[in-house]
Protein backbone atom coordinates (compact mmCIF):
# COMPACT_ATOMS: atom_id res chain seq x y z
CA UNK A 1 25.01 69.33 8.60
CA UNK A 2 21.70 70.10 10.22
CA UNK A 3 18.89 70.89 7.89
CA UNK A 4 17.86 68.50 5.13
CA UNK A 5 17.89 65.10 6.79
CA UNK A 6 15.32 64.17 9.42
CA UNK A 7 16.21 61.20 11.61
CA UNK A 8 13.66 59.47 13.81
CA UNK A 9 15.04 57.76 16.91
CA UNK A 10 12.78 55.73 19.17
CA UNK A 11 13.84 54.68 22.66
CA UNK A 12 11.86 51.66 23.87
CA UNK A 13 11.92 51.31 27.64
CA UNK A 14 13.07 54.86 28.23
CA UNK A 15 12.88 54.92 32.03
CA UNK A 16 15.98 52.90 32.87
CA UNK A 17 19.49 54.23 33.56
CA UNK A 18 21.05 53.29 30.19
CA UNK A 19 18.13 54.82 28.30
CA UNK A 20 18.37 58.09 30.21
CA UNK A 21 22.12 58.34 29.49
CA UNK A 22 21.50 57.59 25.80
CA UNK A 23 18.73 60.22 25.64
CA UNK A 24 21.13 62.76 27.12
CA UNK A 25 23.65 61.96 24.36
CA UNK A 26 20.98 62.15 21.66
CA UNK A 27 20.03 65.61 22.91
CA UNK A 28 23.69 66.66 22.56
CA UNK A 29 23.71 65.48 18.94
CA UNK A 30 20.49 67.32 18.15
CA UNK A 31 22.67 70.37 17.46
CA UNK A 32 24.25 68.54 14.49
CA UNK A 33 21.36 66.44 13.19
CA UNK A 34 17.63 66.97 12.81
CA UNK A 35 16.52 64.32 15.32
CA UNK A 36 12.94 63.48 16.18
CA UNK A 37 13.16 61.59 19.50
CA UNK A 38 10.24 59.39 20.54
CA UNK A 39 10.11 57.60 23.90
CA UNK A 40 8.05 54.45 24.46
CA UNK A 41 7.39 52.58 27.69
CA UNK A 42 4.82 50.04 26.54
CA UNK A 43 4.87 46.36 25.64
CA UNK A 44 3.37 47.00 22.20
CA UNK A 45 6.55 48.61 20.87
CA UNK A 46 8.77 46.05 22.60
CA UNK A 47 6.92 43.28 20.74
CA UNK A 48 6.73 45.23 17.47
CA UNK A 49 10.53 45.61 17.26
CA UNK A 50 11.29 42.32 19.08
CA UNK A 51 13.21 44.03 21.89
CA UNK A 52 14.53 41.49 24.41
CA UNK A 53 16.65 43.82 26.58
CA UNK A 54 15.84 47.41 27.46
CA UNK A 55 16.50 49.98 26.22
CA UNK A 56 15.89 49.30 22.57
CA UNK A 57 17.18 51.91 20.12
CA UNK A 58 15.26 52.15 16.84
CA UNK A 59 16.59 54.44 14.11
CA UNK A 60 14.33 55.08 11.12
CA UNK A 61 12.27 51.96 11.81
CA UNK A 62 15.17 49.51 12.34
CA UNK A 63 16.21 48.07 15.69
CA UNK A 64 19.87 49.09 15.96
CA UNK A 65 20.80 48.24 19.52
CA UNK A 66 19.29 46.83 22.68
CA UNK A 67 20.28 46.50 26.31
CA UNK A 68 23.13 49.00 26.39
CA UNK A 69 24.06 52.65 26.62
CA UNK A 70 25.26 54.42 23.46
CA UNK A 71 27.96 57.07 23.67
CA UNK A 72 27.89 60.16 21.46
CA UNK A 73 30.65 58.62 19.32
CA UNK A 74 28.64 55.42 18.77
CA UNK A 75 25.51 57.44 17.98
CA UNK A 76 27.40 59.59 15.45
CA UNK A 77 28.64 56.46 13.66
CA UNK A 78 25.12 55.02 13.55
CA UNK A 79 23.59 58.27 12.30
CA UNK A 80 26.12 58.75 9.51
CA UNK A 81 25.64 55.15 8.32
CA UNK A 82 21.82 55.22 8.33
């Protein structure tokens, strides 16, 4: 599956506990998908994507989730849909 598709995932507010757990799961999935992970800890990106609760998960420019941890199963579902 890895190869042709590049997926950009941005974590906004990447220093809290839920963000760190989600980043760990994204790194596990990097073996299957071509993931470009970007971490942001500034207010500019929070306002740009209208993130109310941290962490905010942005996949390919769309705010997908905010304020919770994503398991590998949830991430797989989101990546196959987008």
